[in-house]
Amino acid sequence: MTDTTTHPKRSTAETILEAIQDLHAREQVVTREILAEVTGLKLTTIDDRLGYLLDNGKIRRVQRGVFVPMEQHKPARPISRTLCPDGTTVLEVGDTVMILTPRESRMLGEVVTGAALQFVAIEIGHEAARLNAVLSAQVSEVRRELRQLQEMASTAAPDNGT
């Protein structure tokens, strides 16, 4: 007998929603194929649960076959940082103002380094995907032109009687 009070079984919809939220948080494109790969569920199950999540306002379709979770955070507040001549830093987040000593500023930098590295990795991934799409299009064009040249060469080649 399974103890569901300590380890409640998640529904497939919850599993898929968590996967969508996790992938979206890492700024990855979320498609049904990627969800199948990440969750191990069959595409038919994914399709059914995506429909359920769409109908219940948990996710939205941003383009054909691409999904994102519905916004769950308040809009980002304006953030500014001012470096003062005495070495202190004034950090403003919305209406909150913090005056940090040089050491506090360095400590805060240490704390947010992981987020900065994650941002860099996401941007590199986006640029790599963009470049991959450009290169794929160029390779397809070169292949098409090569086929045309081969067809022209085969029809223009004289028959030597062999």
N, C-alpha and C. Protein backbone atom coordinates (compact mmCIF):
# COMPACT_ATOMS: atom_id res chain seq x y z
N MET A 1 0.84 -1.18 0.00
CA MET A 1 0.00 0.00 0.00
C MET A 1 0.89 1.25 0.00
N THR A 2 0.56 2.20 -0.84
CA THR A 2 1.36 3.41 -0.97
C THR A 2 0.83 4.49 -0.05
N ASP A 3 1.73 5.16 0.62
CA ASP A 3 1.35 6.26 1.52
C ASP A 3 1.28 7.54 0.71
N THR A 4 0.07 7.95 0.37
CA THR A 4 -0.09 9.15 -0.46
C THR A 4 -0.07 10.43 0.37
N THR A 5 -0.04 10.31 1.70
CA THR A 5 0.01 11.52 2.51
C THR A 5 1.40 12.14 2.50
N THR A 6 2.44 11.31 2.42
CA THR A 6 3.80 11.85 2.40
C THR A 6 4.33 11.98 0.98
N HIS A 7 3.87 11.16 0.06
CA HIS A 7 4.31 11.21 -1.32
C HIS A 7 3.10 11.16 -2.25
N PRO A 8 2.34 12.26 -2.32
CA PRO A 8 1.17 12.23 -3.20
C PRO A 8 1.60 12.09 -4.65
N LYS A 9 0.83 11.28 -5.39
CA LYS A 9 1.14 11.07 -6.80
C LYS A 9 0.68 12.29 -7.59
N ARG A 10 1.58 12.79 -8.43
CA ARG A 10 1.24 13.94 -9.25
C ARG A 10 0.51 13.46 -10.49
N SER A 11 -0.43 14.26 -10.93
CA SER A 11 -1.14 13.93 -12.16
C SER A 11 -0.22 14.23 -13.34
N THR A 12 -0.55 13.68 -14.50
CA THR A 12 0.27 13.94 -15.69
C THR A 12 0.19 15.42 -16.05
N ALA A 13 -0.95 16.04 -15.81
CA ALA A 13 -1.08 17.48 -16.09
C ALA A 13 -0.12 18.29 -15.23
N GLU A 14 -0.01 17.92 -13.95
CA GLU A 14 0.92 18.61 -13.05
C GLU A 14 2.36 18.38 -13.49
N THR A 15 2.67 17.16 -13.91
CA THR A 15 4.02 16.84 -14.38
C THR A 15 4.37 17.68 -15.60
N ILE A 16 3.44 17.77 -16.53
CA ILE A 16 3.66 18.53 -17.76
C ILE A 16 3.75 20.02 -17.45
N LEU A 17 2.88 20.52 -16.58
CA LEU A 17 2.92 21.94 -16.22
C LEU A 17 4.26 22.29 -15.57
N GLU A 18 4.74 21.45 -14.66
CA GLU A 18 6.03 21.70 -14.02
C GLU A 18 7.16 21.69 -15.04
N ALA A 19 7.11 20.78 -16.01
CA ALA A 19 8.13 20.74 -17.05
C ALA A 19 8.09 22.01 -17.90
N ILE A 20 6.88 22.47 -18.23
CA ILE A 20 6.73 23.71 -19.00
C ILE A 20 7.30 24.89 -18.22
N GLN A 21 6.96 24.97 -16.94
CA GLN A 21 7.44 26.08 -16.11
C GLN A 21 8.97 26.05 -16.00
N ASP A 22 9.53 24.86 -15.81
CA ASP A 22 10.98 24.73 -15.66
C ASP A 22 11.70 25.11 -16.96
N LEU A 23 11.23 24.58 -18.08
CA LEU A 23 11.85 24.89 -19.36
C LEU A 23 11.72 26.38 -19.68
N HIS A 24 10.54 26.94 -19.42
CA HIS A 24 10.32 28.36 -19.69
C HIS A 24 11.21 29.23 -18.80
N ALA A 25 11.37 28.83 -17.53
CA ALA A 25 12.23 29.59 -16.62
C ALA A 25 13.67 29.62 -17.11
N ARG A 26 14.07 28.57 -17.82
CA ARG A 26 15.42 28.51 -18.41
C ARG A 26 15.43 29.06 -19.83
N GLU A 27 14.30 29.72 -20.21
CA GLU A 27 14.12 30.34 -21.52
C GLU A 27 14.35 29.38 -22.67
N GLN A 28 13.86 28.16 -22.50
CA GLN A 28 13.90 27.15 -23.55
C GLN A 28 12.56 27.12 -24.27
N VAL A 29 12.59 26.80 -25.54
CA VAL A 29 11.35 26.67 -26.31
C VAL A 29 10.65 25.39 -25.85
N VAL A 30 9.36 25.47 -25.59
CA VAL A 30 8.59 24.34 -25.09
C VAL A 30 7.66 23.83 -26.20
N THR A 31 7.97 22.64 -26.70
CA THR A 31 7.13 21.99 -27.70
C THR A 31 6.68 20.65 -27.15
N ARG A 32 5.71 20.05 -27.80
CA ARG A 32 5.21 18.74 -27.35
C ARG A 32 6.32 17.69 -27.42
N GLU A 33 7.18 17.78 -28.45
CA GLU A 33 8.27 16.81 -28.59
C GLU A 33 9.29 16.94 -27.45
N ILE A 34 9.60 18.19 -27.09
CA ILE A 34 10.53 18.41 -25.98
C ILE A 34 9.91 17.92 -24.68
N LEU A 35 8.61 18.17 -24.50
CA LEU A 35 7.93 17.70 -23.29
C LEU A 35 7.95 16.18 -23.21
N ALA A 36 7.76 15.52 -24.35
CA ALA A 36 7.81 14.05 -24.36
C ALA A 36 9.19 13.57 -23.96
N GLU A 37 10.21 14.25 -24.45
CA GLU A 37 11.59 13.87 -24.13
C GLU A 37 11.89 14.09 -22.65
N VAL A 38 11.45 15.23 -22.11
CA VAL A 38 11.74 15.59 -20.72
C VAL A 38 10.95 14.73 -19.74
N THR A 39 9.67 14.48 -20.05
CA THR A 39 8.81 13.78 -19.09
C THR A 39 8.76 12.27 -19.30
N GLY A 40 9.10 11.82 -20.51
CA GLY A 40 9.01 10.39 -20.81
C GLY A 40 7.59 9.95 -21.14
N LEU A 41 6.67 10.91 -21.27
CA LEU A 41 5.27 10.57 -21.57
C LEU A 41 5.07 10.46 -23.08
N LYS A 42 4.02 9.75 -23.49
CA LYS A 42 3.71 9.59 -24.91
C LYS A 42 3.12 10.88 -25.45
N LEU A 43 3.32 11.10 -26.76
CA LEU A 43 2.81 12.32 -27.40
C LEU A 43 1.30 12.44 -27.27
N THR A 44 0.58 11.33 -27.33
CA THR A 44 -0.88 11.39 -27.21
C THR A 44 -1.28 11.91 -25.82
N THR A 45 -0.57 11.48 -24.80
CA THR A 45 -0.83 11.96 -23.43
C THR A 45 -0.47 13.44 -23.33
N ILE A 46 0.67 13.80 -23.89
CA ILE A 46 1.10 15.21 -23.87
C ILE A 46 0.04 16.08 -24.54
N ASP A 47 -0.42 15.67 -25.73
CA ASP A 47 -1.42 16.46 -26.46
C ASP A 47 -2.70 16.64 -25.64
N ASP A 48 -3.17 15.56 -25.03
CA ASP A 48 -4.38 15.62 -24.23
C ASP A 48 -4.21 16.57 -23.04
N ARG A 49 -3.10 16.45 -22.33
CA ARG A 49 -2.86 17.28 -21.16
C ARG A 49 -2.59 18.74 -21.52
N LEU A 50 -1.95 18.97 -22.68
CA LEU A 50 -1.76 20.35 -23.14
C LEU A 50 -3.12 21.01 -23.39
N GLY A 51 -4.04 20.26 -24.00
CA GLY A 51 -5.39 20.78 -24.21
C GLY A 51 -6.07 21.12 -22.90
N TYR A 52 -5.92 20.24 -21.92
CA TYR A 52 -6.50 20.47 -20.60
C TYR A 52 -5.90 21.72 -19.96
N LEU A 53 -4.57 21.86 -20.02
CA LEU A 53 -3.90 23.01 -19.42
C LEU A 53 -4.28 24.31 -20.13
N LEU A 54 -4.43 24.25 -21.44
CA LEU A 54 -4.87 25.43 -22.21
C LEU A 54 -6.28 25.82 -21.79
N ASP A 55 -7.18 24.84 -21.74
CA ASP A 55 -8.58 25.10 -21.39
C ASP A 55 -8.72 25.69 -20.00
N ASN A 56 -7.81 25.33 -19.09
CA ASN A 56 -7.90 25.78 -17.70
C ASN A 56 -7.03 27.00 -17.41
N GLY A 57 -6.47 27.61 -18.46
CA GLY A 57 -5.72 28.84 -18.29
C GLY A 57 -4.39 28.70 -17.59
N LYS A 58 -3.84 27.51 -17.56
CA LYS A 58 -2.54 27.29 -16.91
C LYS A 58 -1.37 27.60 -17.84
N ILE A 59 -1.59 27.44 -19.15
CA ILE A 59 -0.57 27.72 -20.16
C ILE A 59 -1.23 28.47 -21.30
N ARG A 60 -0.38 29.00 -22.18
CA ARG A 60 -0.91 29.61 -23.40
C ARG A 60 0.00 29.23 -24.56
N ARG A 61 -0.59 29.24 -25.74
CA ARG A 61 0.14 28.92 -26.97
C ARG A 61 0.66 30.24 -27.54
N VAL A 62 1.99 30.36 -27.72
CA VAL A 62 2.55 31.60 -28.26
C VAL A 62 2.68 31.55 -29.77
N GLN A 63 2.79 30.36 -30.31
CA GLN A 63 2.74 30.11 -31.75
C GLN A 63 2.44 28.64 -31.92
N ARG A 64 2.22 28.23 -33.12
CA ARG A 64 1.85 26.84 -33.36
C ARG A 64 2.88 25.89 -32.75
N GLY A 65 2.42 25.07 -31.81
CA GLY A 65 3.27 24.06 -31.20
C GLY A 65 4.24 24.55 -30.14
N VAL A 66 4.14 25.82 -29.75
CA VAL A 66 5.03 26.36 -28.71
C VAL A 66 4.18 26.91 -27.57
N PHE A 67 4.51 26.49 -26.35
CA PHE A 67 3.70 26.81 -25.18
C PHE A 67 4.53 27.50 -24.11
N VAL A 68 3.87 28.35 -23.32
CA VAL A 68 4.50 28.99 -22.17
C VAL A 68 3.50 28.95 -21.02
N PRO A 69 4.00 28.94 -19.78
CA PRO A 69 3.08 29.01 -18.64
C PRO A 69 2.48 30.40 -18.56
N MET A 70 1.31 30.49 -17.98
CA MET A 70 0.70 31.81 -17.76
C MET A 70 1.56 32.55 -16.74
N GLU A 71 1.65 33.85 -16.89
CA GLU A 71 2.48 34.69 -16.02
C GLU A 71 2.04 34.52 -14.57
N GLN A 72 2.99 34.28 -13.70
CA GLN A 72 2.67 34.09 -12.29
C GLN A 72 3.33 35.14 -11.40
N HIS A 73 4.18 35.96 -11.97
CA HIS A 73 4.88 36.97 -11.20
C HIS A 73 4.30 38.34 -11.50
N LYS A 74 4.46 39.23 -10.54
CA LYS A 74 4.11 40.61 -10.80
C LYS A 74 5.12 41.14 -11.82
N PRO A 75 4.77 42.19 -12.55
CA PRO A 75 5.73 42.77 -13.48
C PRO A 75 7.00 43.21 -12.76
N ALA A 76 8.13 43.11 -13.45
CA ALA A 76 9.41 43.50 -12.85
C ALA A 76 9.40 44.99 -12.54
N ARG A 77 9.99 45.32 -11.42
CA ARG A 77 10.12 46.73 -11.02
C ARG A 77 11.39 47.32 -11.64
N PRO A 78 11.44 48.63 -11.81
CA PRO A 78 12.67 49.23 -12.30
C PRO A 78 13.80 49.03 -11.30
N ILE A 79 14.99 48.78 -11.81
CA ILE A 79 16.16 48.57 -10.95
C ILE A 79 17.27 49.49 -11.43
N SER A 80 17.91 50.18 -10.48
CA SER A 80 19.06 51.00 -10.84
C SER A 80 20.13 50.87 -9.77
N ARG A 81 21.36 51.09 -10.20
CA ARG A 81 22.52 51.01 -9.30
C ARG A 81 23.36 52.26 -9.53
N THR A 82 23.69 52.92 -8.44
CA THR A 82 24.52 54.12 -8.52
C THR A 82 25.79 53.87 -7.72
N LEU A 83 26.93 54.10 -8.35
CA LEU A 83 28.22 53.99 -7.66
C LEU A 83 28.62 55.37 -7.18
N CYS A 84 28.82 55.49 -5.88
CA CYS A 84 29.16 56.78 -5.30
C CYS A 84 30.68 56.94 -5.18
N PRO A 85 31.17 58.19 -5.18
CA PRO A 85 32.63 58.42 -5.09
C PRO A 85 33.27 57.83 -3.83
N ASP A 86 32.50 57.71 -2.75
CA ASP A 86 33.08 57.16 -1.52
C ASP A 86 33.12 55.63 -1.50
N GLY A 87 32.69 54.99 -2.61
CA GLY A 87 32.74 53.53 -2.71
C GLY A 87 31.43 52.85 -2.38
N THR A 88 30.48 53.59 -1.85
CA THR A 88 29.19 52.96 -1.55
C THR A 88 28.39 52.80 -2.84
N THR A 89 27.42 51.92 -2.77
CA THR A 89 26.53 51.66 -3.89
C THR A 89 25.10 51.92 -3.44
N VAL A 90 24.36 52.65 -4.25
CA VAL A 90 22.95 52.86 -3.97
C VAL A 90 22.18 51.97 -4.94
N LEU A 91 21.45 51.00 -4.39
CA LEU A 91 20.69 50.06 -5.18
C LEU A 91 19.21 50.36 -4.98
N GLU A 92 18.52 50.65 -6.09
CA GLU A 92 17.10 50.96 -6.02
C GLU A 92 16.33 49.89 -6.78
N VAL A 93 15.36 49.27 -6.10
CA VAL A 93 14.47 48.29 -6.72
C VAL A 93 13.06 48.78 -6.46
N GLY A 94 12.44 49.32 -7.51
CA GLY A 94 11.13 49.94 -7.33
C GLY A 94 11.26 51.09 -6.36
N ASP A 95 10.47 51.05 -5.28
CA ASP A 95 10.51 52.12 -4.28
C ASP A 95 11.49 51.82 -3.15
N THR A 96 12.14 50.67 -3.18
CA THR A 96 13.07 50.28 -2.13
C THR A 96 14.48 50.77 -2.46
N VAL A 97 15.10 51.45 -1.51
CA VAL A 97 16.46 51.97 -1.70
C VAL A 97 17.36 51.34 -0.65
N MET A 98 18.49 50.80 -1.12
CA MET A 98 19.49 50.24 -0.20
C MET A 98 20.82 50.94 -0.46
N ILE A 99 21.47 51.36 0.59
CA ILE A 99 22.81 51.93 0.48
C ILE A 99 23.77 50.87 1.00
N LEU A 100 24.63 50.39 0.12
CA LEU A 100 25.52 49.27 0.43
C LEU A 100 26.96 49.75 0.58
N THR A 101 27.64 49.20 1.56
CA THR A 101 29.08 49.46 1.69
C THR A 101 29.79 48.71 0.56
N PRO A 102 31.04 49.04 0.28
CA PRO A 102 31.75 48.30 -0.77
C PRO A 102 31.74 46.78 -0.52
N ARG A 103 31.93 46.39 0.73
CA ARG A 103 31.92 44.95 1.03
C ARG A 103 30.55 44.33 0.78
N GLU A 104 29.47 45.00 1.18
CA GLU A 104 28.12 44.50 0.94
C GLU A 104 27.84 44.39 -0.56
N SER A 105 28.32 45.36 -1.30
CA SER A 105 28.14 45.33 -2.75
C SER A 105 28.83 44.11 -3.36
N ARG A 106 30.05 43.84 -2.91
CA ARG A 106 30.78 42.65 -3.40
C ARG A 106 30.05 41.37 -3.00
N MET A 107 29.54 41.33 -1.78
CA MET A 107 28.82 40.14 -1.31
C MET A 107 27.55 39.93 -2.14
N LEU A 108 26.85 41.02 -2.45
CA LEU A 108 25.66 40.92 -3.28
C LEU A 108 26.03 40.42 -4.67
N GLY A 109 27.14 40.92 -5.19
CA GLY A 109 27.62 40.45 -6.49
C GLY A 109 27.87 38.96 -6.49
N GLU A 110 28.44 38.46 -5.41
CA GLU A 110 28.68 37.03 -5.28
C GLU A 110 27.37 36.25 -5.29
N VAL A 111 26.36 36.79 -4.63
CA VAL A 111 25.06 36.13 -4.54
C VAL A 111 24.38 36.04 -5.90
N VAL A 112 24.48 37.08 -6.72
CA VAL A 112 23.76 37.09 -7.99
C VAL A 112 24.60 36.60 -9.16
N THR A 113 25.81 36.17 -8.91
CA THR A 113 26.67 35.67 -10.00
C THR A 113 26.04 34.50 -10.72
N GLY A 114 25.40 33.61 -10.00
CA GLY A 114 24.75 32.45 -10.64
C GLY A 114 23.69 32.88 -11.63
N ALA A 115 22.90 33.88 -11.27
CA ALA A 115 21.87 34.38 -12.17
C ALA A 115 22.50 35.02 -13.40
N ALA A 116 23.61 35.72 -13.20
CA ALA A 116 24.31 36.34 -14.33
C ALA A 116 24.85 35.28 -15.28
N LEU A 117 25.43 34.24 -14.73
CA LEU A 117 25.94 33.15 -15.57
C LEU A 117 24.81 32.45 -16.31
N GLN A 118 23.69 32.27 -15.65
CA GLN A 118 22.54 31.66 -16.30
C GLN A 118 22.05 32.53 -17.45
N PHE A 119 22.02 33.85 -17.24
CA PHE A 119 21.63 34.78 -18.29
C PHE A 119 22.57 34.66 -19.48
N VAL A 120 23.86 34.61 -19.23
CA VAL A 120 24.85 34.49 -20.31
C VAL A 120 24.63 33.18 -21.07
N ALA A 121 24.41 32.09 -20.36
CA ALA A 121 24.19 30.79 -21.01
C ALA A 121 22.93 30.83 -21.88
N ILE A 122 21.89 31.47 -21.40
CA ILE A 122 20.65 31.57 -22.17
C ILE A 122 20.88 32.39 -23.44
N GLU A 123 21.58 33.50 -23.31
CA GLU A 123 21.86 34.34 -24.49
C GLU A 123 22.72 33.60 -25.50
N ILE A 124 23.71 32.86 -25.03
CA ILE A 124 24.56 32.07 -25.94
C ILE A 124 23.71 31.02 -26.65
N GLY A 125 22.81 30.38 -25.92
CA GLY A 125 21.92 29.38 -26.53
C GLY A 125 21.03 29.99 -27.60
N HIS A 126 20.49 31.18 -27.33
CA HIS A 126 19.64 31.85 -28.32
C HIS A 126 20.45 32.21 -29.56
N GLU A 127 21.65 32.72 -29.37
CA GLU A 127 22.48 33.10 -30.51
C GLU A 127 22.89 31.86 -31.31
N ALA A 128 23.21 30.78 -30.62
CA ALA A 128 23.57 29.54 -31.31
C ALA A 128 22.39 29.02 -32.13
N ALA A 129 21.20 29.09 -31.58
CA ALA A 129 20.01 28.64 -32.31
C ALA A 129 19.77 29.51 -33.53
N ARG A 130 19.96 30.83 -33.38
CA ARG A 130 19.78 31.74 -34.51
C ARG A 130 20.80 31.45 -35.61
N LEU A 131 22.05 31.29 -35.21
CA LEU A 131 23.10 30.99 -36.19
C LEU A 131 22.86 29.63 -36.85
N ASN A 132 22.40 28.67 -36.09
CA ASN A 132 22.10 27.35 -36.64
C ASN A 132 21.01 27.45 -37.70
N ALA A 133 19.99 28.25 -37.43
CA ALA A 133 18.91 28.42 -38.40
C ALA A 133 19.43 29.08 -39.69
N VAL A 134 20.28 30.09 -39.54
CA VAL A 134 20.86 30.76 -40.70
C VAL A 134 21.70 29.79 -41.51
N LEU A 135 22.58 29.05 -40.83
CA LEU A 135 23.44 28.09 -41.52
C LEU A 135 22.64 26.98 -42.19
N SER A 136 21.61 26.50 -41.54
CA SER A 136 20.76 25.46 -42.13
C SER A 136 20.10 25.96 -43.41
N ALA A 137 19.63 27.20 -43.38
CA ALA A 137 19.01 27.78 -44.57
C ALA A 137 20.03 27.91 -45.69
N GLN A 138 21.24 28.32 -45.35
CA GLN A 138 22.29 28.46 -46.36
C GLN A 138 22.68 27.11 -46.95
N VAL A 139 22.80 26.09 -46.11
CA VAL A 139 23.13 24.75 -46.59
C VAL A 139 22.03 24.24 -47.52
N SER A 140 20.78 24.46 -47.15
CA SER A 140 19.67 24.04 -48.00
C SER A 140 19.73 24.74 -49.35
N GLU A 141 20.04 26.01 -49.36
CA GLU A 141 20.14 26.77 -50.60
C GLU A 141 21.29 26.24 -51.47
N VAL A 142 22.43 25.97 -50.86
CA VAL A 142 23.58 25.44 -51.61
C VAL A 142 23.24 24.07 -52.19
N ARG A 143 22.57 23.23 -51.42
CA ARG A 143 22.17 21.91 -51.93
C ARG A 143 21.21 22.04 -53.11
N ARG A 144 20.25 22.96 -53.01
CA ARG A 144 19.31 23.18 -54.09
C ARG A 144 20.04 23.64 -55.36
N GLU A 145 20.94 24.57 -55.19
CA GLU A 145 21.71 25.07 -56.34
C GLU A 145 22.58 23.96 -56.94
N LEU A 146 23.17 23.13 -56.10
CA LEU A 146 24.00 22.02 -56.58
C LEU A 146 23.16 21.02 -57.37
N ARG A 147 21.96 20.71 -56.89
CA ARG A 147 21.07 19.81 -57.63
C ARG A 147 20.73 20.39 -59.01
N GLN A 148 20.44 21.68 -59.02
CA GLN A 148 20.11 22.33 -60.30
C GLN A 148 21.30 22.26 -61.26
N LEU A 149 22.50 22.50 -60.74
CA LEU A 149 23.69 22.43 -61.60
C LEU A 149 23.93 21.01 -62.11
N GLN A 150 23.71 20.02 -61.23
CA GLN A 150 23.90 18.62 -61.64
C GLN A 150 22.88 18.24 -62.70
N GLU A 151 21.64 18.70 -62.55
CA GLU A 151 20.60 18.42 -63.54
C GLU A 151 20.94 19.08 -64.87
N MET A 152 21.41 20.31 -64.81
CA MET A 152 21.79 21.02 -66.04
C MET A 152 22.97 20.32 -66.72
N ALA A 153 23.94 19.86 -65.93
CA ALA A 153 25.12 19.18 -66.48
C ALA A 153 24.72 17.84 -67.10
N SER A 154 23.79 17.13 -66.49
CA SER A 154 23.41 15.83 -67.02
C SER A 154 22.58 15.96 -68.32
N THR A 155 21.79 17.00 -68.42
CA THR A 155 21.00 17.18 -69.64
C THR A 155 21.83 17.81 -70.77
N ALA A 156 22.87 18.57 -70.41
CA ALA A 156 23.70 19.22 -71.43
C ALA A 156 24.88 18.35 -71.88
N ALA A 157 25.15 17.26 -71.17
CA ALA A 157 26.31 16.41 -71.52
C ALA A 157 26.03 15.70 -72.85
N PRO A 158 26.99 15.76 -73.79
CA PRO A 158 26.79 15.06 -75.08
C PRO A 158 26.86 13.55 -74.91
N ASP A 159 26.10 12.87 -75.67
CA ASP A 159 26.09 11.40 -75.65
C ASP A 159 27.23 10.92 -76.54
N ASN A 160 28.22 10.20 -75.98
CA ASN A 160 29.38 9.72 -76.72
C ASN A 160 29.14 8.38 -77.37
N GLY A 161 27.91 7.96 -77.43
CA GLY A 161 27.61 6.69 -78.07
C GLY A 161 27.91 5.47 -77.22
N THR A 162 28.08 5.65 -75.95
CA THR A 162 28.35 4.50 -75.07
C THR A 162 27.11 3.98 -74.44
